[in-house]
């Protein structure tokens, strides 16, 4: 997989990806003091819409090539210069992170504080996503009434 291509798609989220939420949703990013719009590739969007965040037994695996982007806003809904990115890479890319490429980037695609890839700099991403989304491929769904 190509991280540069993933980041280019992520920066162009509004024209390249499909929005999943009806309106900004609460986000744990920035210590829970943020909201976000969630965007995804079509295949990822289709699977995301089936996730039930209240079903702890539900299982899901996203296909290789899936990209999910959180367009992060402040608590009042003003856009921040932060996008968080998940991109499903080839099997074996990052077994501890279920083969996801993780990144936190600025809106121009610049990686924030080396937070990208599959190493120790993204372990905190994996740890948090594992607490809530361990059975759903580290992806945390939204209630049906918040989905487009």
Protein backbone atom coordinates (compact mmCIF):
# COMPACT_ATOMS: atom_id res chain seq x y z
CA UNK A 1 0.00 0.00 0.00
CA UNK A 2 1.07 3.57 -0.53
CA UNK A 3 0.92 5.92 2.50
CA UNK A 4 1.35 8.99 0.28
CA UNK A 5 -1.68 8.01 -1.82
CA UNK A 6 -3.69 7.40 1.36
CA UNK A 7 -2.77 10.83 2.70
CA UNK A 8 -3.63 12.49 -0.63
CA UNK A 9 -7.06 10.80 -0.59
CA UNK A 10 -7.51 11.79 3.05
CA UNK A 11 -6.76 15.46 2.37
CA UNK A 12 -9.32 15.39 -0.47
CA UNK A 13 -11.90 13.66 1.73
CA UNK A 14 -14.81 15.90 0.72
CA UNK A 15 -14.48 14.98 -2.96
CA UNK A 16 -12.94 11.49 -2.68
CA UNK A 17 -14.85 9.89 0.18
CA UNK A 18 -18.41 9.40 1.40
CA UNK A 19 -19.66 11.12 4.55
CA UNK A 20 -21.09 8.75 7.14
CA UNK A 21 -22.57 10.95 9.85
CA UNK A 22 -25.63 13.21 9.64
CA UNK A 23 -24.00 15.89 11.78
CA UNK A 24 -20.76 16.25 13.71
CA UNK A 25 -20.38 13.52 16.33
CA UNK A 26 -18.49 13.59 19.64
CA UNK A 27 -14.90 12.38 19.34
CA UNK A 28 -12.38 11.15 21.89
CA UNK A 29 -9.58 12.83 19.95
CA UNK A 30 -8.00 15.87 21.60
CA UNK A 31 -8.85 14.48 25.04
CA UNK A 32 -12.56 14.24 24.25
CA UNK A 33 -12.83 17.95 23.56
CA UNK A 34 -13.71 17.61 19.91
CA UNK A 35 -16.34 16.65 17.39
CA UNK A 36 -15.83 15.15 13.96
CA UNK A 37 -17.31 14.33 10.60
CA UNK A 38 -16.49 10.80 9.46
CA UNK A 39 -15.69 9.96 5.85
CA UNK A 40 -14.91 6.62 4.15
CA UNK A 41 -14.32 4.81 0.90
CA UNK A 42 -17.53 3.23 -0.46
CA UNK A 43 -16.75 -0.34 0.68
CA UNK A 44 -15.71 0.85 4.13
CA UNK A 45 -18.81 3.07 4.34
CA UNK A 46 -21.08 0.13 3.56
CA UNK A 47 -19.57 -2.00 6.34
CA UNK A 48 -19.36 0.93 8.78
CA UNK A 49 -23.12 1.47 8.48
CA UNK A 50 -23.71 -2.10 9.72
CA UNK A 51 -21.75 -1.60 12.95
CA UNK A 52 -23.81 -1.41 16.12
CA UNK A 53 -21.77 0.29 18.85
CA UNK A 54 -24.02 -1.25 21.52
CA UNK A 55 -23.34 -4.85 20.38
CA UNK A 56 -20.12 -5.95 22.09
CA UNK A 57 -20.27 -9.34 20.32
CA UNK A 58 -20.58 -8.02 16.77
CA UNK A 59 -17.63 -8.87 14.55
CA UNK A 60 -16.46 -7.15 11.37
CA UNK A 61 -13.34 -7.05 9.22
CA UNK A 62 -12.78 -4.18 6.82
CA UNK A 63 -11.41 -4.99 3.36
CA UNK A 64 -7.92 -4.06 2.26
CA UNK A 65 -8.01 -0.59 0.69
CA UNK A 66 -10.57 0.77 3.18
CA UNK A 67 -9.92 4.34 4.26
CA UNK A 68 -11.69 6.14 7.11
CA UNK A 69 -11.03 9.80 7.90
CA UNK A 70 -12.17 11.88 10.85
CA UNK A 71 -12.42 15.57 10.00
CA UNK A 72 -11.85 16.98 13.50
CA UNK A 73 -13.64 20.09 14.80
CA UNK A 74 -13.62 21.80 18.16
CA UNK A 75 -16.45 21.32 20.62
CA UNK A 76 -18.30 24.27 19.02
CA UNK A 77 -18.05 22.74 15.55
CA UNK A 78 -15.25 24.91 14.16
CA UNK A 79 -12.84 22.96 11.92
CA UNK A 80 -9.42 22.26 13.40
CA UNK A 81 -6.25 21.59 11.43
CA UNK A 82 -6.45 17.87 12.22
CA UNK A 83 -7.55 14.81 10.26
CA UNK A 84 -7.18 11.32 11.68
CA UNK A 85 -6.75 8.50 9.19
CA UNK A 86 -7.18 4.72 9.16
CA UNK A 87 -6.23 2.82 6.01
CA UNK A 88 -6.34 -0.98 5.73
CA UNK A 89 -3.09 -2.32 4.29
CA UNK A 90 -1.95 -5.79 3.25
CA UNK A 91 -2.04 -8.71 5.69
CA UNK A 92 1.08 -8.64 7.86
CA UNK A 93 1.58 -4.86 7.58
CA UNK A 94 0.84 -4.29 11.27
CA UNK A 95 -0.59 -7.37 13.02
CA UNK A 96 -0.86 -5.60 16.40
CA UNK A 97 -2.99 -2.92 14.69
CA UNK A 98 -5.01 -5.37 12.56
CA UNK A 99 -3.05 -4.17 9.50
CA UNK A 100 -4.30 -0.59 9.69
CA UNK A 101 -2.10 2.34 8.76
CA UNK A 102 -2.75 5.08 11.32
CA UNK A 103 -2.04 8.78 10.85
CA UNK A 104 -2.80 12.17 12.35
CA UNK A 105 -2.31 14.87 9.74
CA UNK A 106 -2.95 18.53 9.10
CA UNK A 107 -5.42 19.49 6.39
CA UNK A 108 -2.52 19.95 3.96
CA UNK A 109 -1.35 16.36 4.54
CA UNK A 110 1.56 17.15 6.87
CA UNK A 111 1.98 14.40 9.46
CA UNK A 112 1.55 15.67 13.03
CA UNK A 113 4.33 14.75 15.51
CA UNK A 114 5.44 11.69 13.49
CA UNK A 115 2.04 10.10 14.21
CA UNK A 116 1.81 7.84 11.18
CA UNK A 117 2.52 4.29 10.18
CA UNK A 118 2.69 1.06 12.13
CA UNK A 119 5.24 1.63 14.88
CA UNK A 120 5.43 2.84 18.47
CA UNK A 121 4.33 6.36 17.47
CA UNK A 122 0.79 5.03 16.77
CA UNK A 123 0.55 2.48 19.60
CA UNK A 124 -1.69 4.83 21.60
CA UNK A 125 -4.11 4.87 18.61
CA UNK A 126 -4.23 1.07 18.59
CA UNK A 127 -4.62 0.90 22.38
CA UNK A 128 -7.62 3.22 22.40
CA UNK A 129 -9.33 1.65 19.38
CA UNK A 130 -8.74 -1.82 20.87
CA UNK A 131 -10.63 -0.91 24.05
CA UNK A 132 -13.86 -0.21 22.18
CA UNK A 133 -13.54 -1.73 18.71
CA UNK A 134 -11.57 -4.94 19.26
CA UNK A 135 -14.16 -7.18 17.54
CA UNK A 136 -14.96 -4.73 14.76
CA UNK A 137 -11.46 -4.41 13.32
CA UNK A 138 -10.62 -1.47 15.63
CA UNK A 139 -13.41 0.61 14.04
CA UNK A 140 -16.00 2.17 16.32
CA UNK A 141 -19.44 2.57 14.77
CA UNK A 142 -22.16 5.15 15.28
CA UNK A 143 -25.77 4.70 16.40
CA UNK A 144 -28.10 4.24 13.42
CA UNK A 145 -29.84 7.57 14.06
CA UNK A 146 -26.52 9.39 13.51
CA UNK A 147 -25.79 7.78 10.13
CA UNK A 148 -26.47 9.10 6.64
